[in-house]
């Protein structure tokens, strides 16, 4: 059985111009495809199960991909309700990788720290 530790392929943080809502996205690959988790500053963890693996042969170089999208909305009671450290964890049989996104308040371009990622995008819509 071929296994490959997870690695992040893409990380994206997108926010509305008025910073009332946003979205954090992380995409990771590995073999088998990793299970992803977004851990919020409150400690709440959201699990994104790995998609089913296609039938492959020993000679295939394919790795599985998974995407985790966390929707953020301000609750109106506090500008800091969504600020803090968000952690994306990618986990499979070969190991895990973590990526941390720090969201200050009010939302501005977040800062990233991670064990492995190759591409980051930050934009406002």
C-alpha atoms as a PDB file:
ATOM      1  CA  UNK A   1       0.000   0.000   0.000  1.00  0.00           C
ATOM      2  CA  UNK A   2       1.398   3.376  -1.077  1.00  0.00           C
ATOM      3  CA  UNK A   3       1.059   6.208   1.454  1.00  0.00           C
ATOM      4  CA  UNK A   4       2.093   9.859   1.315  1.00  0.00           C
ATOM      5  CA  UNK A   5       1.910  12.317   4.174  1.00  0.00           C
ATOM      6  CA  UNK A   6      -0.490  15.233   3.696  1.00  0.00           C
ATOM      7  CA  UNK A   7       0.676  18.582   2.410  1.00  0.00           C
ATOM      8  CA  UNK A   8      -1.211  21.808   1.775  1.00  0.00           C
ATOM      9  CA  UNK A   9      -1.710  22.727  -1.862  1.00  0.00           C
ATOM     10  CA  UNK A  10      -3.739  25.895  -1.448  1.00  0.00           C
ATOM     11  CA  UNK A  11      -4.847  28.222   1.307  1.00  0.00           C
ATOM     12  CA  UNK A  12      -7.276  31.055   0.734  1.00  0.00           C
ATOM     13  CA  UNK A  13      -8.819  33.714   2.964  1.00  0.00           C
ATOM     14  CA  UNK A  14     -11.592  35.812   1.390  1.00  0.00           C
ATOM     15  CA  UNK A  15     -13.601  38.555   3.088  1.00  0.00           C
ATOM     16  CA  UNK A  16     -16.431  40.891   2.106  1.00  0.00           C
ATOM     17  CA  UNK A  17     -15.415  44.523   1.676  1.00  0.00           C
ATOM     18  CA  UNK A  18     -17.331  45.467   4.838  1.00  0.00           C
ATOM     19  CA  UNK A  19     -15.764  42.498   6.688  1.00  0.00           C
ATOM     20  CA  UNK A  20     -19.202  41.179   7.672  1.00  0.00           C
ATOM     21  CA  UNK A  21     -18.455  37.703   6.328  1.00  0.00           C
ATOM     22  CA  UNK A  22     -15.511  35.678   5.169  1.00  0.00           C
ATOM     23  CA  UNK A  23     -14.316  32.277   4.118  1.00  0.00           C
ATOM     24  CA  UNK A  24     -11.214  30.271   4.992  1.00  0.00           C
ATOM     25  CA  UNK A  25     -10.287  27.495   2.572  1.00  0.00           C
ATOM     26  CA  UNK A  26      -7.508  24.937   2.776  1.00  0.00           C
ATOM     27  CA  UNK A  27      -6.796  22.223   0.231  1.00  0.00           C
ATOM     28  CA  UNK A  28      -4.478  19.342   1.051  1.00  0.00           C
ATOM     29  CA  UNK A  29      -3.254  16.266  -0.784  1.00  0.00           C
ATOM     30  CA  UNK A  30      -1.867  12.932   0.339  1.00  0.00           C
ATOM     31  CA  UNK A  31      -2.359   9.217  -0.079  1.00  0.00           C
ATOM     32  CA  UNK A  32      -4.807   8.272   1.134  1.00  0.00           C
ATOM     33  CA  UNK A  33      -6.639  11.587   0.758  1.00  0.00           C
ATOM     34  CA  UNK A  34      -6.413  13.403   4.099  1.00  0.00           C
ATOM     35  CA  UNK A  35      -9.263  14.143   6.455  1.00  0.00           C
ATOM     36  CA  UNK A  36      -9.281  17.892   7.139  1.00  0.00           C
ATOM     37  CA  UNK A  37     -10.325  19.822  10.231  1.00  0.00           C
ATOM     38  CA  UNK A  38     -10.801  23.540  10.841  1.00  0.00           C
ATOM     39  CA  UNK A  39     -10.291  24.338  14.532  1.00  0.00           C
ATOM     40  CA  UNK A  40     -11.741  27.723  15.505  1.00  0.00           C
ATOM     41  CA  UNK A  41     -10.514  30.035  18.289  1.00  0.00           C
ATOM     42  CA  UNK A  42     -13.430  28.806  20.438  1.00  0.00           C
ATOM     43  CA  UNK A  43     -12.045  25.251  20.203  1.00  0.00           C
ATOM     44  CA  UNK A  44     -14.865  24.067  17.949  1.00  0.00           C
ATOM     45  CA  UNK A  45     -13.559  21.608  15.340  1.00  0.00           C
ATOM     46  CA  UNK A  46     -15.272  20.978  12.014  1.00  0.00           C
ATOM     47  CA  UNK A  47     -14.376  17.727  10.223  1.00  0.00           C
ATOM     48  CA  UNK A  48     -14.233  17.398   6.425  1.00  0.00           C
ATOM     49  CA  UNK A  49     -14.142  13.694   5.547  1.00  0.00           C
ATOM     50  CA  UNK A  50     -11.852  12.481   2.801  1.00  0.00           C
ATOM     51  CA  UNK A  51     -13.522  11.814  -0.543  1.00  0.00           C
ATOM     52  CA  UNK A  52     -13.624   8.194  -1.710  1.00  0.00           C
ATOM     53  CA  UNK A  53     -10.392   7.083  -3.342  1.00  0.00           C
ATOM     54  CA  UNK A  54     -10.584   6.121  -6.994  1.00  0.00           C
ATOM     55  CA  UNK A  55      -9.363   2.674  -7.952  1.00  0.00           C
ATOM     56  CA  UNK A  56      -5.635   2.965  -8.626  1.00  0.00           C
ATOM     57  CA  UNK A  57      -2.801   0.616  -9.415  1.00  0.00           C
ATOM     58  CA  UNK A  58       0.622   0.407  -7.811  1.00  0.00           C
ATOM     59  CA  UNK A  59       2.076   2.370 -10.753  1.00  0.00           C
ATOM     60  CA  UNK A  60      -0.262   5.345 -10.356  1.00  0.00           C
ATOM     61  CA  UNK A  61       1.278   8.530  -9.007  1.00  0.00           C
ATOM     62  CA  UNK A  62      -2.090  10.011  -8.096  1.00  0.00           C
ATOM     63  CA  UNK A  63      -2.678  11.400  -4.650  1.00  0.00           C
ATOM     64  CA  UNK A  64      -6.017  12.212  -3.088  1.00  0.00           C
ATOM     65  CA  UNK A  65      -7.214  15.777  -2.569  1.00  0.00           C
ATOM     66  CA  UNK A  66      -9.561  17.213   0.013  1.00  0.00           C
ATOM     67  CA  UNK A  67     -10.898  20.733   0.554  1.00  0.00           C
ATOM     68  CA  UNK A  68     -12.173  22.354   3.751  1.00  0.00           C
ATOM     69  CA  UNK A  69     -14.185  25.583   3.537  1.00  0.00           C
ATOM     70  CA  UNK A  70     -15.070  27.386   6.765  1.00  0.00           C
ATOM     71  CA  UNK A  71     -17.689  30.150   6.429  1.00  0.00           C
ATOM     72  CA  UNK A  72     -17.291  33.076   8.823  1.00  0.00           C
ATOM     73  CA  UNK A  73     -19.986  35.583   9.708  1.00  0.00           C
ATOM     74  CA  UNK A  74     -19.962  38.342  12.276  1.00  0.00           C
ATOM     75  CA  UNK A  75     -22.718  37.974  14.817  1.00  0.00           C
ATOM     76  CA  UNK A  76     -23.104  41.750  15.174  1.00  0.00           C
ATOM     77  CA  UNK A  77     -22.481  41.745  18.923  1.00  0.00           C
ATOM     78  CA  UNK A  78     -18.714  42.125  18.754  1.00  0.00           C
ATOM     79  CA  UNK A  79     -16.072  43.020  16.217  1.00  0.00           C
ATOM     80  CA  UNK A  80     -13.764  40.446  17.783  1.00  0.00           C
ATOM     81  CA  UNK A  81     -16.194  37.507  17.669  1.00  0.00           C
ATOM     82  CA  UNK A  82     -14.333  35.874  14.767  1.00  0.00           C
ATOM     83  CA  UNK A  83     -10.804  37.079  15.489  1.00  0.00           C
ATOM     84  CA  UNK A  84      -8.114  34.701  16.695  1.00  0.00           C
ATOM     85  CA  UNK A  85      -6.155  31.658  15.574  1.00  0.00           C
ATOM     86  CA  UNK A  86      -7.731  29.217  13.099  1.00  0.00           C
ATOM     87  CA  UNK A  87      -5.971  25.901  12.530  1.00  0.00           C
ATOM     88  CA  UNK A  88      -6.382  23.640   9.517  1.00  0.00           C
ATOM     89  CA  UNK A  89      -5.232  20.074  10.172  1.00  0.00           C
ATOM     90  CA  UNK A  90      -4.721  17.498   7.406  1.00  0.00           C
ATOM     91  CA  UNK A  91      -4.467  13.911   8.657  1.00  0.00           C
ATOM     92  CA  UNK A  92      -4.025  10.511   7.008  1.00  0.00           C
ATOM     93  CA  UNK A  93      -2.314   7.165   7.671  1.00  0.00           C
ATOM     94  CA  UNK A  94       1.114   8.623   6.796  1.00  0.00           C
ATOM     95  CA  UNK A  95       0.988  11.591   9.198  1.00  0.00           C
ATOM     96  CA  UNK A  96      -0.435  15.073   9.534  1.00  0.00           C
ATOM     97  CA  UNK A  97       0.217  18.692   8.652  1.00  0.00           C
ATOM     98  CA  UNK A  98      -1.074  21.839  10.319  1.00  0.00           C
ATOM     99  CA  UNK A  99      -1.568  25.371   9.099  1.00  0.00           C
ATOM    100  CA  UNK A 100      -2.422  28.312  11.340  1.00  0.00           C
ATOM    101  CA  UNK A 101      -4.249  31.439  10.171  1.00  0.00           C
ATOM    102  CA  UNK A 102      -4.362  34.425  12.535  1.00  0.00           C
ATOM    103  CA  UNK A 103      -7.366  36.712  12.020  1.00  0.00           C
ATOM    104  CA  UNK A 104      -7.086  40.067  13.747  1.00  0.00           C
ATOM    105  CA  UNK A 105     -10.104  42.273  14.314  1.00  0.00           C
ATOM    106  CA  UNK A 106     -11.260  43.983  12.243  1.00  0.00           C
ATOM    107  CA  UNK A 107     -10.478  41.550   9.445  1.00  0.00           C
ATOM    108  CA  UNK A 108      -7.344  42.438   7.534  1.00  0.00           C
ATOM    109  CA  UNK A 109      -4.950  40.259   5.573  1.00  0.00           C
ATOM    110  CA  UNK A 110      -4.384  37.266   7.854  1.00  0.00           C
ATOM    111  CA  UNK A 111      -0.988  35.832   8.695  1.00  0.00           C
ATOM    112  CA  UNK A 112      -0.102  32.211   8.010  1.00  0.00           C
ATOM    113  CA  UNK A 113       2.160  29.712   9.690  1.00  0.00           C
ATOM    114  CA  UNK A 114       2.252  26.086   8.693  1.00  0.00           C
ATOM    115  CA  UNK A 115       4.213  22.903   8.472  1.00  0.00           C
ATOM    116  CA  UNK A 116       3.850  22.723   4.699  1.00  0.00           C
ATOM    117  CA  UNK A 117       2.025  24.759   2.116  1.00  0.00           C
ATOM    118  CA  UNK A 118       2.894  25.800  -1.396  1.00  0.00           C
ATOM    119  CA  UNK A 119       0.383  28.419  -2.467  1.00  0.00           C
ATOM    120  CA  UNK A 120      -1.484  31.151  -0.590  1.00  0.00           C
ATOM    121  CA  UNK A 121      -4.124  33.561  -1.802  1.00  0.00           C
ATOM    122  CA  UNK A 122      -5.642  36.514   0.018  1.00  0.00           C
ATOM    123  CA  UNK A 123      -8.310  38.658  -1.533  1.00  0.00           C
ATOM    124  CA  UNK A 124     -11.234  40.902  -0.779  1.00  0.00           C
ATOM    125  CA  UNK A 125     -14.448  40.729  -2.767  1.00  0.00           C
END
